[in-house]
Amino acid sequence: MRALIFALSMAASVAPSLPAQSATAAARAAIDAGNQAWVEGVKAGDVKRILATYTNDAVDCGPAGVCFRGLQQIEQHMTAQVASLGRARSAHVTTWGSSQHGNFVYEWGQAEAVFEGGKKLVDKYLTVWQHQPDGSWKIFRNMVIPD
């Protein structure tokens, strides 16, 4: 977690020297589709659908600072979450903002889901999307922001 926070803070310290720009329309559409894949995935309990939005070397961190590195660890974590929470009755992602710097888009917002047992997830997030050689955009780093 410390390494991720260091990397994000280093990126933030460099970012002011770079011209901030909005994400391109193509990047924004791909990120919106990725967020929709999360919505559909949690509603269907389909970990593979969500996992397809991550790079092979992605890092995914929860609000307590526990991080999962690589697709295998992320898949194991998500599978355990689905087993514990079940499928979501409803889910929604709201993007509050984004900024593109070269092959990376920094996106922040809130993800919400309500599960069959009544458990509600409301997480603020910061996600770094990376442009892939095939033209797609995938999650490179994801961090839930604690309350």
Protein backbone atom coordinates (compact mmCIF):
# COMPACT_ATOMS: atom_id res chain seq x y z
CA MET A 1 0.00 0.00 0.00
CA ARG A 2 2.84 2.39 0.84
CA ALA A 3 4.35 1.80 -2.60
CA LEU A 4 1.00 2.59 -4.26
CA ILE A 5 0.54 5.76 -2.20
CA PHE A 6 4.11 6.80 -3.01
CA ALA A 7 3.56 6.17 -6.73
CA LEU A 8 0.29 8.12 -6.73
CA SER A 9 1.83 11.00 -4.79
CA MET A 10 4.79 11.08 -7.18
CA ALA A 11 2.38 11.16 -10.12
CA ALA A 12 0.49 13.98 -8.44
CA SER A 13 3.68 15.94 -7.87
CA VAL A 14 4.59 15.65 -11.55
CA ALA A 15 1.05 16.27 -12.79
CA PRO A 16 1.05 20.03 -12.06
CA SER A 17 3.97 20.44 -14.46
CA LEU A 18 2.02 18.69 -17.19
CA PRO A 19 -0.86 20.37 -18.94
CA ALA A 20 -4.09 18.96 -17.54
CA GLN A 21 -6.54 17.85 -20.14
CA SER A 22 -9.85 16.11 -20.19
CA ALA A 23 -9.93 12.50 -21.23
CA THR A 24 -10.43 12.03 -24.97
CA ALA A 25 -13.89 10.97 -26.12
CA ALA A 26 -12.53 7.50 -26.99
CA ALA A 27 -10.90 7.11 -23.56
CA ARG A 28 -14.02 8.35 -21.77
CA ALA A 29 -16.24 5.91 -23.73
CA ALA A 30 -13.92 2.99 -22.91
CA ILE A 31 -13.80 3.93 -19.22
CA ASP A 32 -17.59 4.29 -19.09
CA ALA A 33 -17.85 0.81 -20.65
CA GLY A 34 -15.40 -0.52 -18.06
CA ASN A 35 -17.46 0.98 -15.25
CA GLN A 36 -20.59 -0.54 -16.79
CA ALA A 37 -18.82 -3.93 -16.85
CA TRP A 38 -18.37 -3.57 -13.07
CA VAL A 39 -22.08 -2.74 -12.66
CA GLU A 40 -23.15 -5.72 -14.77
CA GLY A 41 -20.55 -7.98 -13.16
CA VAL A 42 -21.61 -7.31 -9.55
CA LYS A 43 -25.28 -7.70 -10.51
CA ALA A 44 -24.57 -11.04 -12.22
CA GLY A 45 -21.91 -12.21 -9.76
CA ASP A 46 -19.59 -12.46 -12.79
CA VAL A 47 -16.01 -11.94 -11.61
CA LYS A 48 -14.56 -12.67 -15.08
CA ARG A 49 -16.52 -9.73 -16.57
CA ILE A 50 -15.05 -7.36 -13.98
CA LEU A 51 -11.57 -8.88 -14.21
CA ALA A 52 -11.48 -8.26 -17.97
CA THR A 53 -11.23 -4.53 -17.21
CA TYR A 54 -7.87 -4.92 -15.39
CA THR A 55 -4.31 -5.06 -16.77
CA ASN A 56 -2.25 -8.17 -16.04
CA ASP A 57 -0.11 -6.22 -13.55
CA ALA A 58 -2.95 -4.25 -11.95
CA VAL A 59 -3.02 -3.35 -8.26
CA ASP A 60 -6.38 -3.08 -6.49
CA CYS A 61 -6.49 -1.62 -2.96
CA GLY A 62 -9.36 -1.62 -0.51
CA PRO A 63 -10.26 1.07 2.03
CA ALA A 64 -8.21 -0.56 4.82
CA GLY A 65 -5.05 -0.45 2.69
CA VAL A 66 -4.94 -4.13 1.75
CA CYS A 67 -3.79 -4.40 -1.86
CA PHE A 68 -4.10 -7.24 -4.36
CA ARG A 69 -1.45 -7.44 -7.07
CA GLY A 70 -1.97 -9.07 -10.43
CA LEU A 71 -5.00 -10.74 -11.95
CA GLN A 72 -4.74 -13.92 -9.88
CA GLN A 73 -4.86 -12.14 -6.51
CA ILE A 74 -7.56 -9.73 -7.69
CA GLU A 75 -9.66 -12.63 -8.97
CA GLN A 76 -9.30 -14.53 -5.68
CA HIS A 77 -10.35 -11.44 -3.73
CA MET A 78 -13.34 -10.71 -5.97
CA THR A 79 -14.45 -14.35 -5.90
CA ALA A 80 -14.40 -14.26 -2.09
CA GLN A 81 -16.44 -11.03 -2.14
CA VAL A 82 -19.07 -12.56 -4.42
CA ALA A 83 -19.22 -15.65 -2.19
CA SER A 84 -19.71 -13.43 0.87
CA LEU A 85 -22.05 -10.77 -0.51
CA GLY A 86 -23.83 -12.56 -3.34
CA ARG A 87 -25.14 -10.71 -6.38
CA ALA A 88 -26.06 -7.05 -6.22
CA ARG A 89 -29.71 -6.10 -6.66
CA SER A 90 -28.59 -2.72 -7.95
CA ALA A 91 -25.29 -1.03 -8.75
CA HIS A 92 -24.12 2.32 -10.08
CA VAL A 93 -20.86 4.15 -10.76
CA THR A 94 -20.68 7.94 -10.73
CA THR A 95 -17.56 9.56 -12.16
CA TRP A 96 -16.82 12.86 -10.41
CA GLY A 97 -13.88 13.78 -12.61
CA SER A 98 -11.04 12.59 -14.80
CA SER A 99 -7.82 13.88 -16.27
CA GLN A 100 -5.72 12.40 -19.05
CA HIS A 101 -1.95 12.51 -19.11
CA GLY A 102 -0.55 10.60 -22.08
CA ASN A 103 -1.44 6.91 -21.85
CA PHE A 104 -3.08 7.29 -18.42
CA VAL A 105 -6.46 8.60 -17.33
CA TYR A 106 -6.95 9.39 -13.64
CA GLU A 107 -10.60 8.96 -12.73
CA TRP A 108 -12.30 9.54 -9.39
CA GLY A 109 -15.84 9.01 -8.24
CA GLN A 110 -18.14 6.74 -6.28
CA ALA A 111 -19.31 3.16 -6.79
CA GLU A 112 -22.44 1.87 -5.10
CA ALA A 113 -24.11 -1.51 -4.87
CA VAL A 114 -26.95 -2.98 -2.81
CA PHE A 115 -26.80 -6.74 -2.27
CA GLU A 116 -29.52 -9.33 -1.72
CA GLY A 117 -28.90 -9.49 2.04
CA GLY A 118 -29.36 -5.74 2.34
CA LYS A 119 -25.65 -4.93 2.63
CA LYS A 120 -24.85 -1.66 0.90
CA LEU A 121 -21.47 -0.78 -0.55
CA VAL A 122 -20.65 2.90 -1.11
CA ASP A 123 -17.00 3.42 -2.04
CA LYS A 124 -15.20 6.54 -3.20
CA TYR A 125 -12.39 5.60 -5.59
CA LEU A 126 -9.37 6.77 -7.52
CA THR A 127 -8.64 4.67 -10.60
CA VAL A 128 -5.76 4.92 -13.03
CA TRP A 129 -6.71 3.59 -16.47
CA GLN A 130 -3.92 2.67 -18.89
CA HIS A 131 -4.14 2.75 -22.68
CA GLN A 132 -3.33 -0.70 -24.07
CA PRO A 133 -1.46 -1.53 -27.30
CA ASP A 134 -4.73 -2.89 -28.78
CA GLY A 135 -6.40 0.51 -28.23
CA SER A 136 -8.44 -0.50 -25.18
CA TRP A 137 -8.26 1.10 -21.73
CA LYS A 138 -7.82 -1.06 -18.63
CA ILE A 139 -7.46 -0.51 -14.90
CA PHE A 140 -3.79 -0.22 -13.97
CA ARG A 141 -4.28 0.95 -10.37
CA ASN A 142 -7.45 1.17 -8.30
CA MET A 143 -7.77 2.49 -4.78
CA VAL A 144 -10.85 2.77 -2.61
CA ILE A 145 -10.64 6.01 -0.61
CA PRO A 146 -11.47 5.39 3.07
CA ASP A 147 -14.07 7.54 4.81
